N, C-alpha and C. Protein backbone atom coordinates (compact mmCIF):
# COMPACT_ATOMS: atom_id res chain seq x y z
N MET A 1 6.60 20.18 10.25
CA MET A 1 7.57 20.91 9.48
C MET A 1 6.94 21.29 8.14
N ARG A 2 7.17 22.48 7.71
CA ARG A 2 6.62 22.98 6.48
C ARG A 2 7.69 22.98 5.40
N THR A 3 7.29 22.51 4.22
CA THR A 3 8.20 22.55 3.07
C THR A 3 7.38 22.67 1.80
N THR A 4 7.99 23.07 0.73
CA THR A 4 7.30 23.20 -0.55
C THR A 4 7.87 22.18 -1.51
N LEU A 5 6.97 21.44 -2.15
CA LEU A 5 7.38 20.43 -3.11
C LEU A 5 6.71 20.68 -4.45
N LYS A 6 7.41 20.37 -5.51
CA LYS A 6 6.83 20.42 -6.84
C LYS A 6 6.52 18.97 -7.22
N ILE A 7 5.23 18.66 -7.38
CA ILE A 7 4.85 17.28 -7.69
C ILE A 7 4.11 17.22 -9.01
N ASP A 8 4.12 16.05 -9.62
CA ASP A 8 3.41 15.85 -10.88
C ASP A 8 1.91 15.99 -10.67
N GLU A 9 1.22 16.36 -11.73
CA GLU A 9 -0.23 16.54 -11.68
C GLU A 9 -0.94 15.24 -11.29
N ASN A 10 -0.46 14.11 -11.83
CA ASN A 10 -1.12 12.83 -11.52
C ASN A 10 -0.98 12.46 -10.04
N MET A 11 0.12 12.86 -9.41
CA MET A 11 0.28 12.61 -7.99
C MET A 11 -0.65 13.50 -7.16
N LEU A 12 -0.85 14.71 -7.62
CA LEU A 12 -1.77 15.62 -6.94
C LEU A 12 -3.20 15.05 -6.99
N VAL A 13 -3.58 14.55 -8.15
CA VAL A 13 -4.91 13.96 -8.30
C VAL A 13 -5.05 12.74 -7.38
N LYS A 14 -4.01 11.92 -7.33
CA LYS A 14 -4.03 10.73 -6.47
C LYS A 14 -4.16 11.12 -5.00
N ALA A 15 -3.45 12.15 -4.58
CA ALA A 15 -3.52 12.61 -3.19
C ALA A 15 -4.91 13.18 -2.89
N LYS A 16 -5.49 13.91 -3.84
CA LYS A 16 -6.84 14.46 -3.63
C LYS A 16 -7.86 13.34 -3.48
N LYS A 17 -7.77 12.33 -4.36
CA LYS A 17 -8.70 11.20 -4.28
C LYS A 17 -8.55 10.46 -2.95
N SER A 18 -7.30 10.27 -2.54
CA SER A 18 -7.04 9.58 -1.28
C SER A 18 -7.60 10.37 -0.10
N SER A 19 -7.42 11.68 -0.13
CA SER A 19 -7.91 12.51 0.99
C SER A 19 -9.43 12.49 1.07
N LEU A 20 -10.10 12.49 -0.08
CA LEU A 20 -11.56 12.43 -0.08
C LEU A 20 -12.05 11.06 0.39
N LYS A 21 -11.41 10.01 -0.11
CA LYS A 21 -11.82 8.65 0.23
C LYS A 21 -11.65 8.38 1.73
N LYS A 22 -10.54 8.85 2.29
CA LYS A 22 -10.24 8.59 3.70
C LYS A 22 -10.71 9.71 4.62
N GLN A 23 -11.33 10.74 4.04
CA GLN A 23 -11.82 11.90 4.79
C GLN A 23 -10.72 12.48 5.67
N GLN A 24 -9.61 12.82 5.03
CA GLN A 24 -8.49 13.41 5.75
C GLN A 24 -7.95 14.58 4.93
N SER A 25 -7.06 15.33 5.54
CA SER A 25 -6.50 16.50 4.86
C SER A 25 -5.58 16.05 3.73
N MET A 26 -5.35 16.96 2.79
CA MET A 26 -4.41 16.69 1.69
C MET A 26 -3.03 16.40 2.27
N GLU A 27 -2.67 17.13 3.31
CA GLU A 27 -1.36 16.94 3.95
C GLU A 27 -1.21 15.50 4.44
N SER A 28 -2.23 15.00 5.14
CA SER A 28 -2.17 13.63 5.65
C SER A 28 -2.18 12.61 4.52
N ALA A 29 -3.00 12.86 3.50
CA ALA A 29 -3.08 11.93 2.37
C ALA A 29 -1.75 11.86 1.63
N ALA A 30 -1.16 13.01 1.34
CA ALA A 30 0.12 13.03 0.62
C ALA A 30 1.21 12.37 1.45
N SER A 31 1.22 12.66 2.73
CA SER A 31 2.22 12.06 3.62
C SER A 31 2.07 10.55 3.67
N GLY A 32 0.83 10.08 3.72
CA GLY A 32 0.56 8.64 3.74
C GLY A 32 1.01 7.96 2.46
N LEU A 33 0.74 8.59 1.32
CA LEU A 33 1.16 8.01 0.04
C LEU A 33 2.68 7.94 -0.07
N VAL A 34 3.35 8.98 0.38
CA VAL A 34 4.81 8.98 0.36
C VAL A 34 5.35 7.90 1.29
N SER A 35 4.76 7.78 2.48
CA SER A 35 5.21 6.76 3.44
C SER A 35 5.04 5.36 2.88
N GLN A 36 3.90 5.10 2.23
CA GLN A 36 3.66 3.79 1.63
C GLN A 36 4.70 3.48 0.56
N ASP A 37 4.98 4.45 -0.27
CA ASP A 37 5.94 4.25 -1.35
C ASP A 37 7.33 3.99 -0.80
N LEU A 38 7.73 4.76 0.19
CA LEU A 38 9.05 4.57 0.78
C LEU A 38 9.16 3.22 1.49
N ALA A 39 8.08 2.81 2.13
CA ALA A 39 8.08 1.51 2.80
C ALA A 39 8.24 0.38 1.79
N SER A 40 7.59 0.50 0.64
CA SER A 40 7.71 -0.55 -0.37
C SER A 40 9.11 -0.59 -0.96
N LEU A 41 9.76 0.56 -1.05
CA LEU A 41 11.13 0.60 -1.58
C LEU A 41 12.13 -0.02 -0.62
N SER A 42 11.85 0.11 0.68
CA SER A 42 12.81 -0.37 1.68
C SER A 42 12.71 -1.87 1.93
N GLN A 43 11.63 -2.50 1.44
CA GLN A 43 11.49 -3.93 1.65
C GLN A 43 12.47 -4.69 0.76
N LYS A 44 13.17 -5.62 1.36
CA LYS A 44 14.12 -6.43 0.62
C LYS A 44 13.41 -7.69 0.13
N ASN A 45 13.97 -8.30 -0.91
CA ASN A 45 13.44 -9.57 -1.38
C ASN A 45 13.73 -10.62 -0.32
N VAL A 46 12.66 -11.20 0.20
CA VAL A 46 12.79 -12.19 1.26
C VAL A 46 12.39 -13.55 0.69
N THR A 47 13.20 -14.55 0.99
CA THR A 47 12.88 -15.90 0.54
C THR A 47 12.72 -16.81 1.74
N ARG A 48 11.91 -17.83 1.56
CA ARG A 48 11.75 -18.87 2.58
C ARG A 48 11.79 -20.20 1.85
N ASN A 49 12.70 -21.06 2.25
CA ASN A 49 12.89 -22.35 1.59
C ASN A 49 13.13 -22.19 0.09
N GLY A 50 13.83 -21.12 -0.28
CA GLY A 50 14.17 -20.88 -1.68
C GLY A 50 13.07 -20.24 -2.50
N ILE A 51 11.93 -19.92 -1.89
CA ILE A 51 10.81 -19.32 -2.61
C ILE A 51 10.72 -17.85 -2.24
N LEU A 52 10.64 -16.99 -3.26
CA LEU A 52 10.53 -15.56 -3.04
C LEU A 52 9.16 -15.24 -2.46
N LEU A 53 9.14 -14.57 -1.31
CA LEU A 53 7.88 -14.19 -0.66
C LEU A 53 7.40 -12.86 -1.22
N LEU A 54 6.10 -12.71 -1.31
CA LEU A 54 5.52 -11.45 -1.76
C LEU A 54 5.70 -10.40 -0.67
N PRO A 55 5.90 -9.15 -1.06
CA PRO A 55 6.06 -8.10 -0.04
C PRO A 55 4.76 -7.86 0.70
N ILE A 56 4.89 -7.44 1.95
CA ILE A 56 3.73 -7.10 2.76
C ILE A 56 3.35 -5.66 2.48
N ARG A 57 2.12 -5.45 2.07
CA ARG A 57 1.66 -4.10 1.80
C ARG A 57 1.25 -3.43 3.09
N VAL A 58 1.41 -2.12 3.11
CA VAL A 58 1.07 -1.35 4.30
C VAL A 58 -0.41 -1.53 4.63
N ASP A 59 -1.26 -1.54 3.61
CA ASP A 59 -2.70 -1.66 3.83
C ASP A 59 -3.18 -3.10 3.66
N GLY A 60 -2.25 -4.03 3.56
CA GLY A 60 -2.60 -5.42 3.33
C GLY A 60 -3.12 -6.11 4.57
N ARG A 61 -3.71 -7.27 4.36
CA ARG A 61 -4.17 -8.06 5.49
C ARG A 61 -3.62 -9.47 5.34
N ILE A 62 -3.62 -10.20 6.41
CA ILE A 62 -3.06 -11.54 6.43
C ILE A 62 -4.05 -12.51 5.79
N VAL A 63 -3.54 -13.35 4.90
CA VAL A 63 -4.36 -14.39 4.28
C VAL A 63 -4.16 -15.66 5.08
N THR A 64 -5.26 -16.19 5.59
CA THR A 64 -5.21 -17.38 6.42
C THR A 64 -5.49 -18.63 5.58
N PRO A 65 -5.09 -19.81 6.08
CA PRO A 65 -5.41 -21.05 5.36
C PRO A 65 -6.92 -21.22 5.15
N GLU A 66 -7.71 -20.76 6.11
CA GLU A 66 -9.17 -20.86 5.98
C GLU A 66 -9.67 -20.02 4.80
N MET A 67 -9.08 -18.84 4.61
CA MET A 67 -9.47 -17.98 3.49
C MET A 67 -9.12 -18.64 2.16
N VAL A 68 -7.96 -19.29 2.10
CA VAL A 68 -7.54 -19.98 0.88
C VAL A 68 -8.49 -21.13 0.58
N LYS A 69 -8.86 -21.90 1.61
CA LYS A 69 -9.78 -23.02 1.43
C LYS A 69 -11.14 -22.52 0.96
N GLN A 70 -11.63 -21.44 1.56
CA GLN A 70 -12.92 -20.87 1.17
C GLN A 70 -12.88 -20.42 -0.29
N PHE A 71 -11.79 -19.79 -0.69
CA PHE A 71 -11.65 -19.35 -2.07
C PHE A 71 -11.62 -20.56 -3.01
N GLY A 72 -10.87 -21.59 -2.63
CA GLY A 72 -10.79 -22.80 -3.46
C GLY A 72 -12.14 -23.46 -3.60
N ASP A 73 -12.91 -23.51 -2.52
CA ASP A 73 -14.24 -24.11 -2.57
C ASP A 73 -15.18 -23.32 -3.46
N SER A 74 -14.98 -22.00 -3.53
CA SER A 74 -15.90 -21.16 -4.31
C SER A 74 -15.66 -21.25 -5.82
N ILE A 75 -14.47 -21.72 -6.24
CA ILE A 75 -14.20 -21.78 -7.68
C ILE A 75 -14.41 -23.18 -8.26
N VAL A 76 -14.75 -24.14 -7.41
CA VAL A 76 -14.96 -25.52 -7.89
C VAL A 76 -16.34 -25.68 -8.44
């Protein structure tokens, strides 16, 4: 679907950088950035055992106990 949007200059620069970095069209880059932003807005505050959990990022990866241990060992 084709539509025309008026966007801020800083968002245009961000979309251009994203498209170059990911080697994709401006259309795909802008769509991806909008999707990420909308996904972050739709996430509700989730708690487990009374503790607020951090939101899952679209481009995030799972942190394992082994990764935490390795990080802890590296700062000692």
